[in-house]
Protein backbone atom coordinates (compact mmCIF):
# COMPACT_ATOMS: atom_id res chain seq x y z
CA MET A 1 12.09 -25.55 -15.03
CA ALA A 2 12.71 -21.79 -14.63
CA PRO A 3 9.71 -19.68 -13.60
CA LYS A 4 7.92 -17.81 -16.36
CA GLY A 5 8.84 -14.13 -16.54
CA PHE A 6 6.20 -11.47 -16.05
CA ASP A 7 5.64 -8.40 -18.17
CA VAL A 8 5.40 -5.69 -15.50
CA ARG A 9 3.98 -2.35 -16.63
CA VAL A 10 4.53 0.78 -14.54
CA GLU A 11 1.21 2.62 -14.55
CA ASN A 12 2.23 5.54 -12.33
CA GLN A 13 5.43 6.60 -10.58
CA LEU A 14 5.28 9.23 -7.84
CA VAL A 15 8.31 11.49 -7.76
CA ARG A 16 8.97 14.43 -5.46
CA PHE A 17 11.34 17.25 -6.35
CA ILE A 18 12.77 19.72 -3.91
CA SER A 19 13.84 23.06 -5.29
CA GLN A 20 16.55 25.15 -3.61
CA THR A 21 13.84 27.77 -3.12
CA PRO A 22 10.44 26.38 -2.00
CA VAL A 23 7.62 26.97 -4.48
CA ASP A 24 5.08 29.52 -3.24
CA GLN A 25 1.59 28.02 -3.44
CA ASP A 26 -0.07 31.43 -3.78
CA ALA A 27 2.18 32.29 -6.72
CA VAL A 28 1.17 29.04 -8.48
CA VAL A 29 -2.50 30.00 -8.09
CA ALA A 30 -1.92 33.60 -9.23
CA GLN A 31 0.50 32.96 -12.13
CA LEU A 32 -0.58 29.58 -13.51
CA GLY A 33 -4.18 29.20 -12.35
CA GLY A 34 -3.39 26.35 -9.95
CA THR A 35 -6.18 25.06 -7.71
CA ALA A 36 -5.78 25.25 -3.94
CA THR A 37 -7.40 22.34 -2.11
CA GLY A 38 -6.76 20.58 1.19
CA GLY A 39 -3.45 22.32 1.93
CA VAL A 40 -1.93 21.67 -1.50
CA VAL A 41 -2.05 23.40 -4.87
CA ILE A 42 -2.67 21.35 -8.00
CA LYS A 43 -1.69 22.28 -11.54
CA VAL A 44 -2.17 20.03 -14.57
CA LEU A 45 0.46 20.21 -17.30
CA ASP A 46 -0.35 19.30 -20.89
CA ALA A 47 3.22 18.74 -22.05
CA PRO A 48 4.64 16.66 -20.62
CA ARG A 49 1.32 15.32 -19.40
CA ALA A 50 1.45 15.29 -15.60
CA THR A 51 -0.29 16.54 -12.50
CA ILE A 52 1.82 18.83 -10.34
CA VAL A 53 1.07 18.97 -6.61
CA ILE A 54 2.74 21.64 -4.50
CA ASP A 55 2.70 20.71 -0.82
CA ALA A 56 2.67 23.09 2.16
CA ASP A 57 6.51 23.00 2.29
CA GLY A 58 6.80 24.14 -1.34
CA LYS A 59 7.93 20.73 -2.58
CA ILE A 60 6.83 19.50 -6.02
CA VAL A 61 5.14 16.11 -6.32
CA ILE A 62 4.64 14.78 -9.85
CA HIS A 63 1.74 12.39 -10.40
CA GLY A 64 0.68 10.65 -13.58
CA THR A 65 4.02 9.78 -15.14
CA GLN A 66 5.52 6.36 -15.74
CA ARG A 67 9.19 7.31 -15.76
CA VAL A 68 11.39 9.45 -13.53
CA GLU A 69 12.79 11.24 -16.59
CA THR A 70 9.29 12.33 -17.63
CA ALA A 71 8.56 13.52 -14.09
CA ARG A 72 11.80 15.53 -14.08
CA ALA A 73 10.86 17.12 -17.43
CA ALA A 74 7.46 18.05 -15.97
CA ALA A 75 9.06 19.60 -12.88
CA LYS A 76 11.48 21.60 -15.02
CA GLU A 77 8.68 22.79 -17.32
CA PHE A 78 6.63 23.82 -14.28
CA LEU A 79 9.54 25.75 -12.75
CA LEU A 80 10.21 27.41 -16.13
CA GLN A 81 6.55 28.52 -16.34
CA MET A 82 6.89 29.94 -12.81
CA GLY A 83 10.10 31.76 -13.76
CA LEU A 84 12.07 29.78 -11.17
CA ASP A 85 15.55 28.27 -11.37
CA ASP A 86 15.68 24.49 -11.79
CA SER A 87 19.34 24.11 -10.80
CA GLY A 88 19.95 22.12 -7.63
CA LEU A 89 16.65 20.25 -7.98
CA THR A 90 16.81 17.10 -5.83
CA THR A 91 14.75 14.00 -6.54
CA GLU A 92 12.97 11.61 -4.20
CA ILE A 93 11.49 8.48 -5.76
CA GLY A 94 8.15 7.45 -4.31
CA PRO A 95 6.01 4.36 -4.69
CA MET A 96 4.64 3.16 -8.00
CA VAL A 97 1.52 1.50 -9.28
CA ALA A 98 2.37 -1.41 -11.56
CA SER A 99 0.38 -4.17 -13.23
CA PHE A 100 0.97 -7.64 -14.65
CA ASP A 101 -1.06 -10.68 -15.61
CA PHE A 102 -0.86 -14.21 -14.19
CA GLU A 103 -2.51 -15.36 -17.46
CA GLU A 104 -4.59 -17.91 -15.58
CA THR A 105 -8.01 -17.83 -13.97
CA ILE A 106 -7.78 -17.52 -10.19
CA ALA A 107 -10.28 -18.44 -7.44
CA VAL A 108 -9.84 -15.06 -5.74
CA GLU A 109 -12.74 -15.56 -3.32
CA SER A 110 -10.73 -18.39 -1.74
CA ILE A 111 -7.64 -16.26 -1.12
CA VAL A 112 -8.32 -15.06 2.42
CA GLY A 113 -6.44 -14.99 5.73
CA GLN A 114 -2.76 -15.77 6.12
CA VAL A 115 -1.44 -16.93 2.74
CA GLY A 116 2.28 -17.28 2.07
CA ALA A 117 4.04 -14.11 3.15
CA GLY A 118 0.88 -12.06 3.29
CA ASP A 119 -2.52 -11.37 4.72
CA ALA A 120 -5.34 -11.62 2.20
CA GLN A 121 -8.95 -10.56 2.09
CA TYR A 122 -11.62 -10.72 -0.58
CA ASP A 123 -13.17 -7.37 -1.51
CA ALA A 124 -16.66 -8.08 -2.88
CA ARG A 125 -17.13 -4.47 -3.99
CA LEU A 126 -14.04 -4.61 -6.22
CA GLY A 127 -14.40 -8.31 -7.02
CA CYS A 128 -10.79 -9.03 -6.20
CA SER A 129 -8.55 -10.42 -3.51
CA ILE A 130 -6.21 -7.97 -1.80
CA ILE A 131 -2.93 -9.28 -0.44
CA GLU A 132 -0.68 -7.28 1.87
CA ASP A 133 2.63 -8.87 0.84
CA SER A 134 5.08 -8.46 3.74
CA ARG A 135 7.89 -10.23 1.89
CA HIS A 136 8.03 -7.71 -0.96
CA GLY A 137 6.46 -4.69 0.77
CA VAL A 138 3.63 -4.31 -1.74
CA THR A 139 -0.15 -4.53 -1.86
CA MET A 140 -1.59 -6.69 -4.62
CA HIS A 141 -5.13 -6.53 -6.04
CA ILE A 142 -5.83 -9.76 -7.93
CA TRP A 143 -8.88 -10.32 -10.15
CA PRO A 144 -10.36 -13.67 -11.27
CA ASN A 145 -9.02 -13.19 -14.82
CA GLY A 146 -5.46 -13.16 -13.45
CA ARG A 147 -4.93 -9.42 -13.74
CA CYS A 148 -2.96 -7.92 -10.85
CA ILE A 149 -2.41 -4.30 -9.85
CA THR A 150 0.36 -3.73 -7.35
CA THR A 151 0.78 -0.60 -5.22
CA GLY A 152 3.56 0.51 -2.93
CA ALA A 153 6.42 -0.92 -4.98
CA HIS A 154 9.65 0.97 -5.51
CA SER A 155 10.82 -0.89 -8.61
CA PRO A 156 9.36 -3.00 -11.41
CA ASN A 157 11.88 -5.73 -10.51
CA MET A 158 10.34 -6.03 -7.04
CA VAL A 159 6.90 -6.43 -8.63
CA ALA A 160 8.27 -9.14 -10.93
CA MET A 161 9.81 -10.98 -7.95
CA ALA A 162 6.48 -10.75 -6.11
CA ALA A 163 4.69 -12.13 -9.19
CA VAL A 164 7.00 -15.14 -9.38
CA TYR A 165 6.65 -15.78 -5.64
CA TRP A 166 2.84 -15.54 -5.62
CA LYS A 167 2.50 -17.68 -8.75
CA SER A 168 4.31 -20.47 -6.91
CA ILE A 169 2.14 -19.98 -3.79
CA PHE A 170 -1.04 -20.04 -5.90
CA ASP A 171 0.17 -23.19 -7.72
CA GLU A 172 0.94 -24.96 -4.42
CA SER A 173 -2.36 -23.87 -2.85
CA GLY A 174 -4.50 -24.77 -5.83
CA TYR A 175 -5.90 -21.27 -6.41
CA PHE A 176 -5.52 -21.45 -10.20
CA ILE A 177 -8.68 -22.75 -11.87
CA GLN A 178 -7.98 -25.42 -14.43
CA ARG A 179 -9.99 -25.05 -17.63
CA ILE A 180 -11.17 -28.13 -19.46
């Protein structure tokens, strides 16, 4: 029988844009009311909704979008507001936060130590098991209700492959709780 597919939802996709001319942090503060903190300048855009972070090198990091196209629109809108040229803007795709559901109850407190292709620990404060998945290069936070939040992924397909893999590991190891 083929494994059940997983509905992976991208919650956040980090994207960095590099302009031909680095963005001046002081100009962002002066012209747009950006906030300088910890070596970066932060500006929140309303449309498209995104948080813009300007690093010390003048590169633009877009946080809070789910798609690269939305991040690019935010970067272009930001550059337009700054009166800067958006031609020659290069894109670097960063990690994403994605979620899916195993749709089964899981004994997360039992998922500890070396499990499958990962190292797992139970986090009592969060009430979930955290698996550092070396096979797929992601970190998975798994709650007893079967909900999983994955960080460090570079594509939804990789998250889906991790979900299929871990479902089979959990089945084999007896971590799913059978309801009567």
